[in-house]
């Protein structure tokens, strides 16, 4: 439930951002606005941190003794144990696929037909019904595994359709891109819940950290996907020719 609500909050923020960009009209004002909305968050977490530090800690000695007993799991278990290695590789591949599809579509709003702010707003707006549907499915209808599988297949099929459509059919391309965004939004939400169940409790944070790090590394090249059709995506300056004398 918490993961679903955080994903919906992220989608809602994506809907608000194009509106703010349209109102401000300048990147400086946009940066000031983005900084201003973080001030209440900083104050809130600062108060919580002070309250936590002033509380009386109970049972620290007991917790220390408990943690010192028994075998301690290592992050190397994720590559040393075959079953954990297989699960880590599968989840890493799923997160990388979601990162490429999710952020690739959002950054590709520049190439869609129509206004880029409107396209960005629609690409974020479709996340809200998709996340509600995904939450409904994982709560008892299909479960996390089948919901993730079906949503990824739906995303892949939707994004393959524009490749066989004439480029002049901009409406069909936009609709299929929006449907693909809905599919990857559901998968992106489910994959983190599924990862928390696959990894052992003592290695959960390390396993999810490795998968997220791989996704973040791949996201570096995602902005270049929007410019793959450009003939001068890589411009190598040529040295001036010297005419022989």
C-alpha atoms as a PDB file:
ATOM      1  CA  UNK A   1       0.000   0.000   0.000  1.00  0.00           C
ATOM      2  CA  UNK A   2       2.783   2.420   0.913  1.00  0.00           C
ATOM      3  CA  UNK A   3       4.610   1.664  -2.329  1.00  0.00           C
ATOM      4  CA  UNK A   4       1.443   2.309  -4.332  1.00  0.00           C
ATOM      5  CA  UNK A   5       0.798   5.627  -2.593  1.00  0.00           C
ATOM      6  CA  UNK A   6       4.388   6.791  -3.132  1.00  0.00           C
ATOM      7  CA  UNK A   7       4.147   5.875  -6.829  1.00  0.00           C
ATOM      8  CA  UNK A   8       0.892   7.830  -7.124  1.00  0.00           C
ATOM      9  CA  UNK A   9       2.507  10.825  -5.415  1.00  0.00           C
ATOM     10  CA  UNK A  10       5.364  10.647  -7.928  1.00  0.00           C
ATOM     11  CA  UNK A  11       2.886  10.551 -10.814  1.00  0.00           C
ATOM     12  CA  UNK A  12       0.952  13.471  -9.355  1.00  0.00           C
ATOM     13  CA  UNK A  13       4.158  15.460  -9.127  1.00  0.00           C
ATOM     14  CA  UNK A  14       4.828  14.662 -12.775  1.00  0.00           C
ATOM     15  CA  UNK A  15       1.417  16.124 -13.636  1.00  0.00           C
ATOM     16  CA  UNK A  16       2.102  19.295 -11.669  1.00  0.00           C
ATOM     17  CA  UNK A  17       5.566  19.891 -13.150  1.00  0.00           C
ATOM     18  CA  UNK A  18       4.433  20.814 -16.723  1.00  0.00           C
ATOM     19  CA  UNK A  19       1.884  23.218 -15.240  1.00  0.00           C
ATOM     20  CA  UNK A  20       4.569  24.904 -13.152  1.00  0.00           C
ATOM     21  CA  UNK A  21       6.879  25.091 -16.186  1.00  0.00           C
ATOM     22  CA  UNK A  22       4.117  26.770 -18.178  1.00  0.00           C
ATOM     23  CA  UNK A  23       3.389  29.285 -15.394  1.00  0.00           C
ATOM     24  CA  UNK A  24       6.999  30.178 -14.585  1.00  0.00           C
ATOM     25  CA  UNK A  25       8.207  30.271 -18.181  1.00  0.00           C
ATOM     26  CA  UNK A  26      11.875  30.428 -17.179  1.00  0.00           C
ATOM     27  CA  UNK A  27      14.281  27.874 -15.779  1.00  0.00           C
ATOM     28  CA  UNK A  28      15.463  30.229 -13.000  1.00  0.00           C
ATOM     29  CA  UNK A  29      11.947  30.662 -11.627  1.00  0.00           C
ATOM     30  CA  UNK A  30      11.411  26.930 -11.947  1.00  0.00           C
ATOM     31  CA  UNK A  31      14.562  26.227  -9.924  1.00  0.00           C
ATOM     32  CA  UNK A  32      13.456  28.710  -7.234  1.00  0.00           C
ATOM     33  CA  UNK A  33      10.055  27.013  -7.032  1.00  0.00           C
ATOM     34  CA  UNK A  34      11.608  23.560  -6.755  1.00  0.00           C
ATOM     35  CA  UNK A  35      13.864  24.765  -3.952  1.00  0.00           C
ATOM     36  CA  UNK A  36      11.017  26.482  -2.106  1.00  0.00           C
ATOM     37  CA  UNK A  37       8.829  23.389  -1.919  1.00  0.00           C
ATOM     38  CA  UNK A  38      11.663  21.416  -0.290  1.00  0.00           C
ATOM     39  CA  UNK A  39      11.964  23.803   2.674  1.00  0.00           C
ATOM     40  CA  UNK A  40       8.907  22.427   4.570  1.00  0.00           C
ATOM     41  CA  UNK A  41      10.187  18.876   3.980  1.00  0.00           C
ATOM     42  CA  UNK A  42      13.615  19.747   5.411  1.00  0.00           C
ATOM     43  CA  UNK A  43      12.031  21.372   8.472  1.00  0.00           C
ATOM     44  CA  UNK A  44       9.720  18.392   9.021  1.00  0.00           C
ATOM     45  CA  UNK A  45      12.503  15.805   8.894  1.00  0.00           C
ATOM     46  CA  UNK A  46      14.760  17.979  11.033  1.00  0.00           C
ATOM     47  CA  UNK A  47      12.126  18.076  13.772  1.00  0.00           C
ATOM     48  CA  UNK A  48      11.709  14.294  13.576  1.00  0.00           C
ATOM     49  CA  UNK A  49      15.467  13.812  13.772  1.00  0.00           C
ATOM     50  CA  UNK A  50      15.744  16.002  16.866  1.00  0.00           C
ATOM     51  CA  UNK A  51      12.837  14.189  18.497  1.00  0.00           C
ATOM     52  CA  UNK A  52      14.416  10.829  17.755  1.00  0.00           C
ATOM     53  CA  UNK A  53      17.791  11.843  19.182  1.00  0.00           C
ATOM     54  CA  UNK A  54      16.270  13.149  22.409  1.00  0.00           C
ATOM     55  CA  UNK A  55      14.254  10.000  23.073  1.00  0.00           C
ATOM     56  CA  UNK A  56      15.557   7.519  25.586  1.00  0.00           C
ATOM     57  CA  UNK A  57      16.946   4.490  23.787  1.00  0.00           C
ATOM     58  CA  UNK A  58      15.823   1.238  25.359  1.00  0.00           C
ATOM     59  CA  UNK A  59      17.313  -2.153  24.717  1.00  0.00           C
ATOM     60  CA  UNK A  60      20.443  -1.065  22.846  1.00  0.00           C
ATOM     61  CA  UNK A  61      22.643  -3.443  24.807  1.00  0.00           C
ATOM     62  CA  UNK A  62      20.246  -6.326  24.198  1.00  0.00           C
ATOM     63  CA  UNK A  63      20.105  -5.532  20.491  1.00  0.00           C
ATOM     64  CA  UNK A  64      23.897  -5.374  20.305  1.00  0.00           C
ATOM     65  CA  UNK A  65      24.248  -8.771  21.903  1.00  0.00           C
ATOM     66  CA  UNK A  66      21.596 -10.235  19.640  1.00  0.00           C
ATOM     67  CA  UNK A  67      23.297  -8.953  16.507  1.00  0.00           C
ATOM     68  CA  UNK A  68      26.667 -10.296  17.649  1.00  0.00           C
ATOM     69  CA  UNK A  69      25.314 -13.841  17.860  1.00  0.00           C
ATOM     70  CA  UNK A  70      24.962 -16.160  14.916  1.00  0.00           C
ATOM     71  CA  UNK A  71      26.191 -15.966  11.352  1.00  0.00           C
ATOM     72  CA  UNK A  72      26.160 -12.633   9.587  1.00  0.00           C
ATOM     73  CA  UNK A  73      25.043 -12.597   5.989  1.00  0.00           C
ATOM     74  CA  UNK A  74      27.300 -10.888   3.485  1.00  0.00           C
ATOM     75  CA  UNK A  75      26.493  -9.060   0.289  1.00  0.00           C
ATOM     76  CA  UNK A  76      28.712 -11.607  -1.472  1.00  0.00           C
ATOM     77  CA  UNK A  77      26.011 -14.184  -0.810  1.00  0.00           C
ATOM     78  CA  UNK A  78      24.056 -12.583  -3.653  1.00  0.00           C
ATOM     79  CA  UNK A  79      26.659 -13.841  -6.134  1.00  0.00           C
ATOM     80  CA  UNK A  80      27.948 -16.860  -4.208  1.00  0.00           C
ATOM     81  CA  UNK A  81      24.603 -18.632  -3.763  1.00  0.00           C
ATOM     82  CA  UNK A  82      23.228 -19.752  -7.163  1.00  0.00           C
ATOM     83  CA  UNK A  83      19.568 -19.170  -6.324  1.00  0.00           C
ATOM     84  CA  UNK A  84      20.196 -15.653  -5.023  1.00  0.00           C
ATOM     85  CA  UNK A  85      22.397 -14.895  -8.030  1.00  0.00           C
ATOM     86  CA  UNK A  86      19.616 -15.935 -10.402  1.00  0.00           C
ATOM     87  CA  UNK A  87      17.049 -13.826  -8.568  1.00  0.00           C
ATOM     88  CA  UNK A  88      19.398 -10.831  -8.506  1.00  0.00           C
ATOM     89  CA  UNK A  89      20.075 -11.019 -12.238  1.00  0.00           C
ATOM     90  CA  UNK A  90      16.371 -11.368 -13.099  1.00  0.00           C
ATOM     91  CA  UNK A  91      15.306  -8.467 -10.892  1.00  0.00           C
ATOM     92  CA  UNK A  92      18.162  -6.301 -12.177  1.00  0.00           C
ATOM     93  CA  UNK A  93      17.092  -6.973 -15.759  1.00  0.00           C
ATOM     94  CA  UNK A  94      13.474  -6.129 -14.913  1.00  0.00           C
ATOM     95  CA  UNK A  95      14.392  -2.847 -13.236  1.00  0.00           C
ATOM     96  CA  UNK A  96      16.676  -1.876 -16.139  1.00  0.00           C
ATOM     97  CA  UNK A  97      13.860  -2.606 -18.615  1.00  0.00           C
ATOM     98  CA  UNK A  98      11.453  -0.484 -16.590  1.00  0.00           C
ATOM     99  CA  UNK A  99      13.920   2.394 -16.333  1.00  0.00           C
ATOM    100  CA  UNK A 100      14.484   2.452 -20.091  1.00  0.00           C
ATOM    101  CA  UNK A 101      10.764   2.268 -20.903  1.00  0.00           C
ATOM    102  CA  UNK A 102       9.498   4.618 -18.191  1.00  0.00           C
ATOM    103  CA  UNK A 103      11.991   7.451 -18.459  1.00  0.00           C
ATOM    104  CA  UNK A 104      12.568   6.897 -22.162  1.00  0.00           C
ATOM    105  CA  UNK A 105       8.910   7.578 -22.895  1.00  0.00           C
ATOM    106  CA  UNK A 106       8.823  10.579 -20.602  1.00  0.00           C
ATOM    107  CA  UNK A 107      11.905  12.152 -22.164  1.00  0.00           C
ATOM    108  CA  UNK A 108      10.634  11.316 -25.644  1.00  0.00           C
ATOM    109  CA  UNK A 109       7.738  13.745 -25.171  1.00  0.00           C
ATOM    110  CA  UNK A 110       9.733  16.181 -27.297  1.00  0.00           C
ATOM    111  CA  UNK A 111       9.225  13.996 -30.373  1.00  0.00           C
ATOM    112  CA  UNK A 112       5.507  13.381 -29.948  1.00  0.00           C
ATOM    113  CA  UNK A 113       2.975  15.315 -31.986  1.00  0.00           C
ATOM    114  CA  UNK A 114       1.687  18.417 -30.237  1.00  0.00           C
ATOM    115  CA  UNK A 115       2.914  20.549 -27.378  1.00  0.00           C
ATOM    116  CA  UNK A 116       5.706  19.028 -25.302  1.00  0.00           C
ATOM    117  CA  UNK A 117       4.217  20.250 -22.008  1.00  0.00           C
ATOM    118  CA  UNK A 118       0.866  18.691 -22.857  1.00  0.00           C
ATOM    119  CA  UNK A 119       2.597  15.453 -23.785  1.00  0.00           C
ATOM    120  CA  UNK A 120       4.501  15.424 -20.500  1.00  0.00           C
ATOM    121  CA  UNK A 121       1.287  16.048 -18.586  1.00  0.00           C
ATOM    122  CA  UNK A 122      -0.510  13.181 -20.344  1.00  0.00           C
ATOM    123  CA  UNK A 123       2.416  10.797 -19.844  1.00  0.00           C
ATOM    124  CA  UNK A 124       2.221  11.422 -16.101  1.00  0.00           C
ATOM    125  CA  UNK A 125      -1.566  11.506 -15.946  1.00  0.00           C
ATOM    126  CA  UNK A 126      -1.947   7.973 -17.327  1.00  0.00           C
ATOM    127  CA  UNK A 127       0.093   6.679 -14.389  1.00  0.00           C
ATOM    128  CA  UNK A 128      -2.721   7.406 -11.923  1.00  0.00           C
ATOM    129  CA  UNK A 129      -5.359   5.003 -13.344  1.00  0.00           C
ATOM    130  CA  UNK A 130      -2.616   2.498 -14.192  1.00  0.00           C
ATOM    131  CA  UNK A 131      -1.344   2.453 -10.616  1.00  0.00           C
ATOM    132  CA  UNK A 132      -4.865   2.082  -9.240  1.00  0.00           C
ATOM    133  CA  UNK A 133      -5.449  -0.869 -11.564  1.00  0.00           C
ATOM    134  CA  UNK A 134      -2.089  -2.392 -10.627  1.00  0.00           C
ATOM    135  CA  UNK A 135      -2.808  -2.072  -6.910  1.00  0.00           C
ATOM    136  CA  UNK A 136      -6.201  -3.735  -7.436  1.00  0.00           C
ATOM    137  CA  UNK A 137      -4.632  -6.638  -9.313  1.00  0.00           C
ATOM    138  CA  UNK A 138      -1.801  -7.372  -6.884  1.00  0.00           C
ATOM    139  CA  UNK A 139      -4.086  -7.335  -3.865  1.00  0.00           C
ATOM    140  CA  UNK A 140      -5.710 -10.622  -4.746  1.00  0.00           C
ATOM    141  CA  UNK A 141      -6.648 -10.944  -8.378  1.00  0.00           C
ATOM    142  CA  UNK A 142      -3.367 -11.874 -10.016  1.00  0.00           C
ATOM    143  CA  UNK A 143      -0.636 -11.387  -7.448  1.00  0.00           C
ATOM    144  CA  UNK A 144       2.653  -9.608  -7.926  1.00  0.00           C
ATOM    145  CA  UNK A 145       4.317 -12.055 -10.317  1.00  0.00           C
ATOM    146  CA  UNK A 146       1.538 -12.247 -12.901  1.00  0.00           C
ATOM    147  CA  UNK A 147       0.733  -8.559 -12.611  1.00  0.00           C
ATOM    148  CA  UNK A 148       4.360  -7.725 -13.350  1.00  0.00           C
ATOM    149  CA  UNK A 149       4.506 -10.206 -16.238  1.00  0.00           C
ATOM    150  CA  UNK A 150       1.293  -9.054 -17.906  1.00  0.00           C
ATOM    151  CA  UNK A 151       2.088  -5.352 -17.493  1.00  0.00           C
ATOM    152  CA  UNK A 152       5.544  -5.768 -19.059  1.00  0.00           C
ATOM    153  CA  UNK A 153       4.092  -7.754 -21.973  1.00  0.00           C
ATOM    154  CA  UNK A 154       1.417  -5.103 -22.457  1.00  0.00           C
ATOM    155  CA  UNK A 155       4.087  -2.382 -22.414  1.00  0.00           C
ATOM    156  CA  UNK A 156       6.280  -4.221 -24.915  1.00  0.00           C
ATOM    157  CA  UNK A 157       3.456  -4.905 -27.363  1.00  0.00           C
ATOM    158  CA  UNK A 158       2.188  -1.324 -27.153  1.00  0.00           C
ATOM    159  CA  UNK A 159       5.633   0.116 -27.842  1.00  0.00           C
ATOM    160  CA  UNK A 160       6.234  -2.255 -30.774  1.00  0.00           C
ATOM    161  CA  UNK A 161       3.098  -1.144 -32.612  1.00  0.00           C
ATOM    162  CA  UNK A 162       4.429   2.344 -33.581  1.00  0.00           C
ATOM    163  CA  UNK A 163       7.343   0.653 -35.359  1.00  0.00           C
ATOM    164  CA  UNK A 164       4.888  -0.783 -37.910  1.00  0.00           C
ATOM    165  CA  UNK A 165       2.753   2.353 -38.255  1.00  0.00           C
ATOM    166  CA  UNK A 166       3.309   5.116 -40.758  1.00  0.00           C
ATOM    167  CA  UNK A 167       5.016   8.103 -39.063  1.00  0.00           C
ATOM    168  CA  UNK A 168       2.190  10.355 -40.247  1.00  0.00           C
ATOM    169  CA  UNK A 169      -0.249   8.472 -37.971  1.00  0.00           C
ATOM    170  CA  UNK A 170       0.676  10.603 -34.991  1.00  0.00           C
ATOM    171  CA  UNK A 171      -2.534   9.897 -33.072  1.00  0.00           C
ATOM    172  CA  UNK A 172      -1.964   6.136 -33.089  1.00  0.00           C
ATOM    173  CA  UNK A 173       1.676   6.570 -32.087  1.00  0.00           C
ATOM    174  CA  UNK A 174       0.738   8.823 -29.178  1.00  0.00           C
ATOM    175  CA  UNK A 175      -2.033   6.505 -27.955  1.00  0.00           C
ATOM    176  CA  UNK A 176       0.182   3.427 -28.061  1.00  0.00           C
ATOM    177  CA  UNK A 177       2.947   5.315 -26.255  1.00  0.00           C
ATOM    178  CA  UNK A 178       0.506   6.288 -23.511  1.00  0.00           C
ATOM    179  CA  UNK A 179      -0.650   2.680 -23.205  1.00  0.00           C
ATOM    180  CA  UNK A 180       2.959   1.544 -22.999  1.00  0.00           C
ATOM    181  CA  UNK A 181       3.579   4.111 -20.274  1.00  0.00           C
ATOM    182  CA  UNK A 182       0.663   2.664 -18.313  1.00  0.00           C
ATOM    183  CA  UNK A 183       2.137  -0.825 -18.573  1.00  0.00           C
ATOM    184  CA  UNK A 184       5.605   0.159 -17.418  1.00  0.00           C
ATOM    185  CA  UNK A 185       4.163   2.284 -14.591  1.00  0.00           C
ATOM    186  CA  UNK A 186       2.409  -0.773 -13.158  1.00  0.00           C
ATOM    187  CA  UNK A 187       5.517  -2.933 -13.556  1.00  0.00           C
ATOM    188  CA  UNK A 188       7.725  -0.256 -12.000  1.00  0.00           C
ATOM    189  CA  UNK A 189       5.486  -0.189  -8.924  1.00  0.00           C
ATOM    190  CA  UNK A 190       5.221  -3.970  -8.583  1.00  0.00           C
ATOM    191  CA  UNK A 191       8.899  -4.769  -9.140  1.00  0.00           C
ATOM    192  CA  UNK A 192      10.005  -3.107  -5.893  1.00  0.00           C
ATOM    193  CA  UNK A 193       7.336  -4.914  -3.904  1.00  0.00           C
ATOM    194  CA  UNK A 194       8.341  -8.169  -5.533  1.00  0.00           C
ATOM    195  CA  UNK A 195      12.027  -7.540  -4.834  1.00  0.00           C
ATOM    196  CA  UNK A 196      11.310  -7.046  -1.146  1.00  0.00           C
ATOM    197  CA  UNK A 197       9.755 -10.524  -1.025  1.00  0.00           C
ATOM    198  CA  UNK A 198      12.413 -12.345  -3.081  1.00  0.00           C
ATOM    199  CA  UNK A 199      15.519 -11.292  -1.140  1.00  0.00           C
ATOM    200  CA  UNK A 200      16.150 -12.581   2.396  1.00  0.00           C
ATOM    201  CA  UNK A 201      15.471 -10.111   5.175  1.00  0.00           C
ATOM    202  CA  UNK A 202      19.145  -9.674   6.055  1.00  0.00           C
ATOM    203  CA  UNK A 203      20.104  -9.032   2.409  1.00  0.00           C
ATOM    204  CA  UNK A 204      17.032  -7.122   1.289  1.00  0.00           C
ATOM    205  CA  UNK A 205      18.544  -3.654   1.343  1.00  0.00           C
ATOM    206  CA  UNK A 206      21.757  -4.824  -0.355  1.00  0.00           C
ATOM    207  CA  UNK A 207      19.908  -6.744  -3.072  1.00  0.00           C
ATOM    208  CA  UNK A 208      17.507  -3.921  -3.859  1.00  0.00           C
ATOM    209  CA  UNK A 209      20.411  -1.489  -3.761  1.00  0.00           C
ATOM    210  CA  UNK A 210      22.303  -3.449  -6.412  1.00  0.00           C
ATOM    211  CA  UNK A 211      19.244  -3.605  -8.669  1.00  0.00           C
ATOM    212  CA  UNK A 212      18.506   0.096  -8.231  1.00  0.00           C
ATOM    213  CA  UNK A 213      22.133   1.024  -8.862  1.00  0.00           C
ATOM    214  CA  UNK A 214      22.110  -0.897 -12.135  1.00  0.00           C
ATOM    215  CA  UNK A 215      18.911   0.899 -13.151  1.00  0.00           C
ATOM    216  CA  UNK A 216      20.411   4.276 -12.263  1.00  0.00           C
ATOM    217  CA  UNK A 217      23.532   3.497 -14.282  1.00  0.00           C
ATOM    218  CA  UNK A 218      21.470   2.627 -17.350  1.00  0.00           C
ATOM    219  CA  UNK A 219      19.380   5.788 -16.921  1.00  0.00           C
ATOM    220  CA  UNK A 220      22.460   7.798 -17.922  1.00  0.00           C
ATOM    221  CA  UNK A 221      22.019   6.752 -21.557  1.00  0.00           C
ATOM    222  CA  UNK A 222      18.213   6.966 -21.552  1.00  0.00           C
ATOM    223  CA  UNK A 223      18.115  10.672 -22.591  1.00  0.00           C
ATOM    224  CA  UNK A 224      19.996   9.758 -25.774  1.00  0.00           C
ATOM    225  CA  UNK A 225      17.168   7.458 -26.864  1.00  0.00           C
ATOM    226  CA  UNK A 226      15.062  10.475 -27.772  1.00  0.00           C
ATOM    227  CA  UNK A 227      17.697  11.518 -30.306  1.00  0.00           C
ATOM    228  CA  UNK A 228      18.366   8.166 -31.974  1.00  0.00           C
ATOM    229  CA  UNK A 229      16.591   9.277 -35.141  1.00  0.00           C
ATOM    230  CA  UNK A 230      18.714  12.376 -35.468  1.00  0.00           C
ATOM    231  CA  UNK A 231      21.420  11.948 -38.136  1.00  0.00           C
ATOM    232  CA  UNK A 232      23.873  14.108 -36.217  1.00  0.00           C
ATOM    233  CA  UNK A 233      23.483  12.479 -32.800  1.00  0.00           C
ATOM    234  CA  UNK A 234      27.255  12.009 -32.742  1.00  0.00           C
ATOM    235  CA  UNK A 235      29.079  14.913 -34.313  1.00  0.00           C
ATOM    236  CA  UNK A 236      32.790  14.400 -34.771  1.00  0.00           C
ATOM    237  CA  UNK A 237      34.495  17.566 -35.977  1.00  0.00           C
ATOM    238  CA  UNK A 238      36.751  16.972 -38.947  1.00  0.00           C
ATOM    239  CA  UNK A 239      40.143  18.647 -39.114  1.00  0.00           C
ATOM    240  CA  UNK A 240      40.524  21.255 -41.856  1.00  0.00           C
ATOM    241  CA  UNK A 241      41.920  19.938 -45.078  1.00  0.00           C
ATOM    242  CA  UNK A 242      45.257  21.311 -46.078  1.00  0.00           C
ATOM    243  CA  UNK A 243      45.627  21.743 -49.830  1.00  0.00           C
ATOM    244  CA  UNK A 244      48.996  20.436 -50.983  1.00  0.00           C
ATOM    245  CA  UNK A 245      51.233  23.088 -52.410  1.00  0.00           C
END
